[in-house]
C-alpha atoms as a PDB file:
ATOM      1  CA  ASP A   1       3.885   5.381  13.943  1.00  0.00           C
ATOM      2  CA  GLY A   2       3.059   2.433  11.674  1.00  0.00           C
ATOM      3  CA  ASP A   3       4.329  -1.133  11.555  1.00  0.00           C
ATOM      4  CA  ILE A   4       4.060  -2.205   7.890  1.00  0.00           C
ATOM      5  CA  ALA A   5       7.111  -1.213   5.871  1.00  0.00           C
ATOM      6  CA  ILE A   6       6.423  -0.177   2.279  1.00  0.00           C
ATOM      7  CA  LEU A   7       8.669  -0.289  -0.767  1.00  0.00           C
ATOM      8  CA  ALA A   8       6.474   0.966  -3.590  1.00  0.00           C
ATOM      9  CA  SER A   9       7.005   1.553  -7.258  1.00  0.00           C
ATOM     10  CA  GLY A  10       4.914   3.620  -9.586  1.00  0.00           C
ATOM     11  CA  GLY A  11       4.699   7.296  -8.562  1.00  0.00           C
ATOM     12  CA  GLY A  12       1.015   8.160  -8.227  1.00  0.00           C
ATOM     13  CA  ALA A  13      -0.002   4.523  -8.003  1.00  0.00           C
ATOM     14  CA  SER A  14       2.222   4.104  -4.969  1.00  0.00           C
ATOM     15  CA  LEU A  15       0.322   6.883  -3.177  1.00  0.00           C
ATOM     16  CA  LEU A  16      -2.953   5.141  -3.984  1.00  0.00           C
ATOM     17  CA  ASN A  17      -1.486   1.936  -2.567  1.00  0.00           C
ATOM     18  CA  VAL A  18      -0.753   3.665   0.741  1.00  0.00           C
ATOM     19  CA  ASP A  19      -4.357   4.905   0.850  1.00  0.00           C
ATOM     20  CA  THR A  20      -5.576   1.369   0.127  1.00  0.00           C
ATOM     21  CA  LEU A  21      -3.421  -0.082   2.894  1.00  0.00           C
ATOM     22  CA  LEU A  22      -4.877   2.469   5.314  1.00  0.00           C
ATOM     23  CA  SER A  23      -8.420   1.630   4.209  1.00  0.00           C
ATOM     24  CA  TYR A  24      -7.851  -2.030   5.179  1.00  0.00           C
ATOM     25  CA  GLY A  25      -6.537  -1.122   8.621  1.00  0.00           C
ATOM     26  CA  GLY A  26      -2.823  -1.276   7.832  1.00  0.00           C
ATOM     27  CA  ARG A  27      -0.497   1.154   9.550  1.00  0.00           C
ATOM     28  CA  PRO A  28       2.248   2.333   7.157  1.00  0.00           C
ATOM     29  CA  ALA A  29       5.661   2.685   8.780  1.00  0.00           C
ATOM     30  CA  ASN A  30       7.032   4.790   5.911  1.00  0.00           C
ATOM     31  CA  TYR A  31       6.589   5.955   2.351  1.00  0.00           C
ATOM     32  CA  THR A  32       9.366   4.835   0.024  1.00  0.00           C
ATOM     33  CA  GLU A  33       9.031   4.923  -3.767  1.00  0.00           C
ATOM     34  CA  TYR A  34      11.729   3.407  -5.977  1.00  0.00           C
ATOM     35  CA  SER A  35      10.538   3.474  -9.597  1.00  0.00           C
ATOM     36  CA  GLY A  36      12.645   4.499 -12.569  1.00  0.00           C
ATOM     37  CA  ASN A  37      14.551   1.220 -13.047  1.00  0.00           C
ATOM     38  CA  PRO A  38      17.014   1.630 -10.165  1.00  0.00           C
ATOM     39  CA  PRO A  39      20.054  -0.630  -9.890  1.00  0.00           C
ATOM     40  CA  ALA A  40      20.075  -3.352  -7.237  1.00  0.00           C
ATOM     41  CA  SER A  41      22.397  -1.244  -5.055  1.00  0.00           C
ATOM     42  CA  VAL A  42      19.794   1.530  -4.712  1.00  0.00           C
ATOM     43  CA  VAL A  43      17.037  -0.924  -3.756  1.00  0.00           C
ATOM     44  CA  ARG A  44      19.426  -2.675  -1.339  1.00  0.00           C
ATOM     45  CA  ASP A  45      20.144   0.632   0.431  1.00  0.00           C
ATOM     46  CA  LEU A  46      16.452   1.599   0.551  1.00  0.00           C
ATOM     47  CA  THR A  47      15.564  -1.834   1.909  1.00  0.00           C
ATOM     48  CA  LYS A  48      18.151  -1.597   4.678  1.00  0.00           C
ATOM     49  CA  ARG A  49      16.966   1.888   5.637  1.00  0.00           C
ATOM     50  CA  VAL A  50      13.260   0.984   5.644  1.00  0.00           C
ATOM     51  CA  LEU A  51      13.640  -2.375   7.421  1.00  0.00           C
ATOM     52  CA  SER A  52      15.945  -1.023  10.123  1.00  0.00           C
ATOM     53  CA  ARG A  53      12.882   0.414  11.866  1.00  0.00           C
ATOM     54  CA  LYS A  54      11.977  -1.346  15.105  1.00  0.00           C
ATOM     55  CA  GLY A  55       8.569  -2.915  15.648  1.00  0.00           C
ATOM     56  CA  LEU A  56       7.736  -3.909  12.076  1.00  0.00           C
ATOM     57  CA  LYS A  57       5.023  -6.545  11.600  1.00  0.00           C
ATOM     58  CA  GLY A  58       5.338  -6.905   7.839  1.00  0.00           C
ATOM     59  CA  VAL A  59       6.755  -5.626   4.573  1.00  0.00           C
ATOM     60  CA  TRP A  60       4.815  -4.775   1.448  1.00  0.00           C
ATOM     61  CA  VAL A  61       6.721  -4.489  -1.831  1.00  0.00           C
ATOM     62  CA  VAL A  62       4.161  -3.265  -4.345  1.00  0.00           C
ATOM     63  CA  GLY A  63       3.870  -1.849  -7.815  1.00  0.00           C
ATOM     64  CA  GLY A  64       1.959  -2.205 -11.039  1.00  0.00           C
ATOM     65  CA  ALA A  65       3.150  -4.058 -14.117  1.00  0.00           C
ATOM     66  CA  ALA A  66       6.368  -2.252 -15.011  1.00  0.00           C
ATOM     67  CA  ASN A  67       7.217  -1.370 -18.579  1.00  0.00           C
ATOM     68  CA  PHE A  68      10.945  -0.828 -18.189  1.00  0.00           C
ATOM     69  CA  THR A  69      11.880  -1.546 -14.565  1.00  0.00           C
ATOM     70  CA  ASP A  70      13.879  -4.772 -14.379  1.00  0.00           C
ATOM     71  CA  ILE A  71      12.002  -6.731 -11.722  1.00  0.00           C
ATOM     72  CA  TYR A  72      14.856  -9.211 -11.275  1.00  0.00           C
ATOM     73  CA  GLU A  73      17.345  -6.379 -10.627  1.00  0.00           C
ATOM     74  CA  THR A  74      15.110  -4.674  -8.076  1.00  0.00           C
ATOM     75  CA  MET A  75      14.235  -7.922  -6.270  1.00  0.00           C
ATOM     76  CA  LYS A  76      17.934  -8.839  -6.190  1.00  0.00           C
ATOM     77  CA  GLY A  77      18.564  -5.528  -4.412  1.00  0.00           C
ATOM     78  CA  PHE A  78      15.661  -6.165  -2.038  1.00  0.00           C
ATOM     79  CA  ILE A  79      17.064  -9.570  -1.046  1.00  0.00           C
ATOM     80  CA  GLU A  80      20.578  -8.148  -0.612  1.00  0.00           C
ATOM     81  CA  GLY A  81      19.183  -5.524   1.763  1.00  0.00           C
ATOM     82  CA  LEU A  82      16.986  -8.031   3.562  1.00  0.00           C
ATOM     83  CA  ARG A  83      20.012 -10.228   4.260  1.00  0.00           C
ATOM     84  CA  GLU A  84      21.709  -7.322   6.034  1.00  0.00           C
ATOM     85  CA  ILE A  85      18.910  -6.861   8.570  1.00  0.00           C
ATOM     86  CA  HIS A  86      19.739  -8.342  11.985  1.00  0.00           C
ATOM     87  CA  PRO A  87      18.110 -10.110  13.592  1.00  0.00           C
ATOM     88  CA  LYS A  88      16.722 -11.856  10.555  1.00  0.00           C
ATOM     89  CA  PRO A  89      13.156 -10.669   9.858  1.00  0.00           C
ATOM     90  CA  LYS A  90      10.510 -13.255  10.716  1.00  0.00           C
ATOM     91  CA  TYR A  91       7.533 -11.131   9.715  1.00  0.00           C
ATOM     92  CA  PRO A  92       5.586 -11.680   6.476  1.00  0.00           C
ATOM     93  CA  ILE A  93       6.767 -10.090   3.256  1.00  0.00           C
ATOM     94  CA  VAL A  94       4.172  -9.615   0.523  1.00  0.00           C
ATOM     95  CA  ILE A  95       5.578  -8.849  -2.919  1.00  0.00           C
ATOM     96  CA  ARG A  96       3.232  -7.806  -5.723  1.00  0.00           C
ATOM     97  CA  ARG A  97       5.286  -7.036  -8.845  1.00  0.00           C
ATOM     98  CA  ASP A  98       5.195  -7.732 -12.562  1.00  0.00           C
ATOM     99  CA  GLY A  99       7.132  -6.650 -15.608  1.00  0.00           C
ATOM    100  CA  PRO A 100      10.430  -7.430 -17.339  1.00  0.00           C
ATOM    101  CA  ARG A 101      12.160 -10.507 -15.883  1.00  0.00           C
ATOM    102  CA  GLN A 102       9.433 -11.055 -13.277  1.00  0.00           C
ATOM    103  CA  LYS A 103       9.463 -14.824 -13.783  1.00  0.00           C
ATOM    104  CA  GLU A 104      13.219 -15.014 -13.170  1.00  0.00           C
ATOM    105  CA  ALA A 105      12.847 -12.731 -10.159  1.00  0.00           C
ATOM    106  CA  PHE A 106      10.122 -14.903  -8.623  1.00  0.00           C
ATOM    107  CA  GLU A 107      12.190 -18.057  -9.201  1.00  0.00           C
ATOM    108  CA  MET A 108      15.065 -16.406  -7.330  1.00  0.00           C
ATOM    109  CA  LEU A 109      12.743 -15.225  -4.542  1.00  0.00           C
ATOM    110  CA  ARG A 110      11.246 -18.712  -4.119  1.00  0.00           C
ATOM    111  CA  GLU A 111      14.736 -20.192  -3.782  1.00  0.00           C
ATOM    112  CA  VAL A 112      15.705 -17.569  -1.208  1.00  0.00           C
ATOM    113  CA  ALA A 113      12.507 -18.214   0.775  1.00  0.00           C
ATOM    114  CA  LYS A 114      13.075 -21.966   0.671  1.00  0.00           C
ATOM    115  CA  ASN A 115      16.779 -21.881   1.520  1.00  0.00           C
ATOM    116  CA  GLU A 116      16.874 -18.959   3.951  1.00  0.00           C
ATOM    117  CA  GLY A 117      13.475 -19.179   5.622  1.00  0.00           C
ATOM    118  CA  TYR A 118      11.970 -15.797   4.778  1.00  0.00           C
ATOM    119  CA  ALA A 119       8.155 -15.588   4.787  1.00  0.00           C
ATOM    120  CA  LEU A 120       7.777 -14.381   1.195  1.00  0.00           C
ATOM    121  CA  HIS A 121       4.342 -14.276  -0.452  1.00  0.00           C
ATOM    122  CA  LEU A 122       4.603 -13.581  -4.187  1.00  0.00           C
ATOM    123  CA  PHE A 123       1.930 -12.154  -6.468  1.00  0.00           C
ATOM    124  CA  ASN A 124       1.991 -10.969 -10.064  1.00  0.00           C
ATOM    125  CA  SER A 125      -0.495  -8.711 -11.847  1.00  0.00           C
ATOM    126  CA  SER A 126      -3.179 -11.406 -11.823  1.00  0.00           C
ATOM    127  CA  VAL A 127      -3.723 -10.248  -8.229  1.00  0.00           C
ATOM    128  CA  SER A 128      -4.703  -6.616  -7.795  1.00  0.00           C
ATOM    129  CA  MET A 129      -2.570  -4.242  -5.788  1.00  0.00           C
ATOM    130  CA  ALA A 130      -5.593  -3.720  -3.505  1.00  0.00           C
ATOM    131  CA  ALA A 131      -5.840  -7.462  -2.864  1.00  0.00           C
ATOM    132  CA  SER A 132      -2.149  -7.529  -1.967  1.00  0.00           C
ATOM    133  CA  ALA A 133      -2.805  -4.691   0.528  1.00  0.00           C
ATOM    134  CA  ARG A 134      -5.502  -6.811   2.181  1.00  0.00           C
ATOM    135  CA  THR A 135      -3.089  -9.736   2.215  1.00  0.00           C
ATOM    136  CA  ILE A 136      -0.260  -7.917   4.010  1.00  0.00           C
ATOM    137  CA  VAL A 137      -2.745  -6.569   6.568  1.00  0.00           C
ATOM    138  CA  GLU A 138      -4.095 -10.102   7.118  1.00  0.00           C
ATOM    139  CA  TYR A 139      -0.613 -11.609   7.507  1.00  0.00           C
ATOM    140  CA  ALA A 140       0.854  -8.780   9.597  1.00  0.00           C
ATOM    141  CA  TYR A 141      -1.979  -8.698  12.108  1.00  0.00           C
ATOM    142  CA  ARG A 142      -3.087 -12.341  12.113  1.00  0.00           C
ATOM    143  CA  SER A 143      -1.767 -12.901  15.628  1.00  0.00           C
ATOM    144  CA  GLN A 144      -4.212 -10.333  16.994  1.00  0.00           C
ATOM    145  CA  LYS A 145      -7.343 -11.807  18.572  1.00  0.00           C
ATOM    146  CA  LYS A 146      -9.611 -10.516  15.835  1.00  0.00           C
ATOM    147  CA  SER A 147      -8.373 -10.585  12.264  1.00  0.00           C
ATOM    148  CA  ARG A 148      -8.826  -7.286  10.429  1.00  0.00           C
ATOM    149  CA  VAL A 149      -9.382  -8.905   7.027  1.00  0.00           C
ATOM    150  CA  LYS A 150     -11.024 -12.152   5.975  1.00  0.00           C
ATOM    151  CA  ILE A 151      -9.724 -12.681   2.427  1.00  0.00           C
ATOM    152  CA  SER A 152      -6.520 -14.028   1.019  1.00  0.00           C
ATOM    153  CA  PRO A 153      -6.009 -13.894  -2.768  1.00  0.00           C
ATOM    154  CA  LYS A 154      -4.669 -16.831  -4.718  1.00  0.00           C
ATOM    155  CA  GLN A 155      -0.892 -17.031  -4.272  1.00  0.00           C
ATOM    156  CA  GLN A 156       1.074 -16.970  -7.511  1.00  0.00           C
END
């Protein structure tokens, strides 16, 4: 019954992230875990499936610092899936990822946000996963009369 879509990476850590989101008042719309260095096509398909849900107020792409997952490849798949959602999502998208090719991935994501108008908020491992949970709750529910959260971590 939730309204924040989740694409998580990291097995057990992804379950802790869902608990953290709940503790800050977020309402998860799903549980999707995509670790194991998937190709862009797998992440694209997961993204399309997760974001096809009606009534979403935000998306949280979250995971720890990966050792072997190619962050560029997975973010490429995320963007490919995002582009196939119609109408174009206007809700906030908080991405907290780090690992191999993260810098290249974030450069690509910034270009996509700039050129295509997506509300992407990018964080690396200098921001905790818990802080990124607070951030997506803040952004997703900011239009409500009373904000659920009062902090916003430094954007990377």
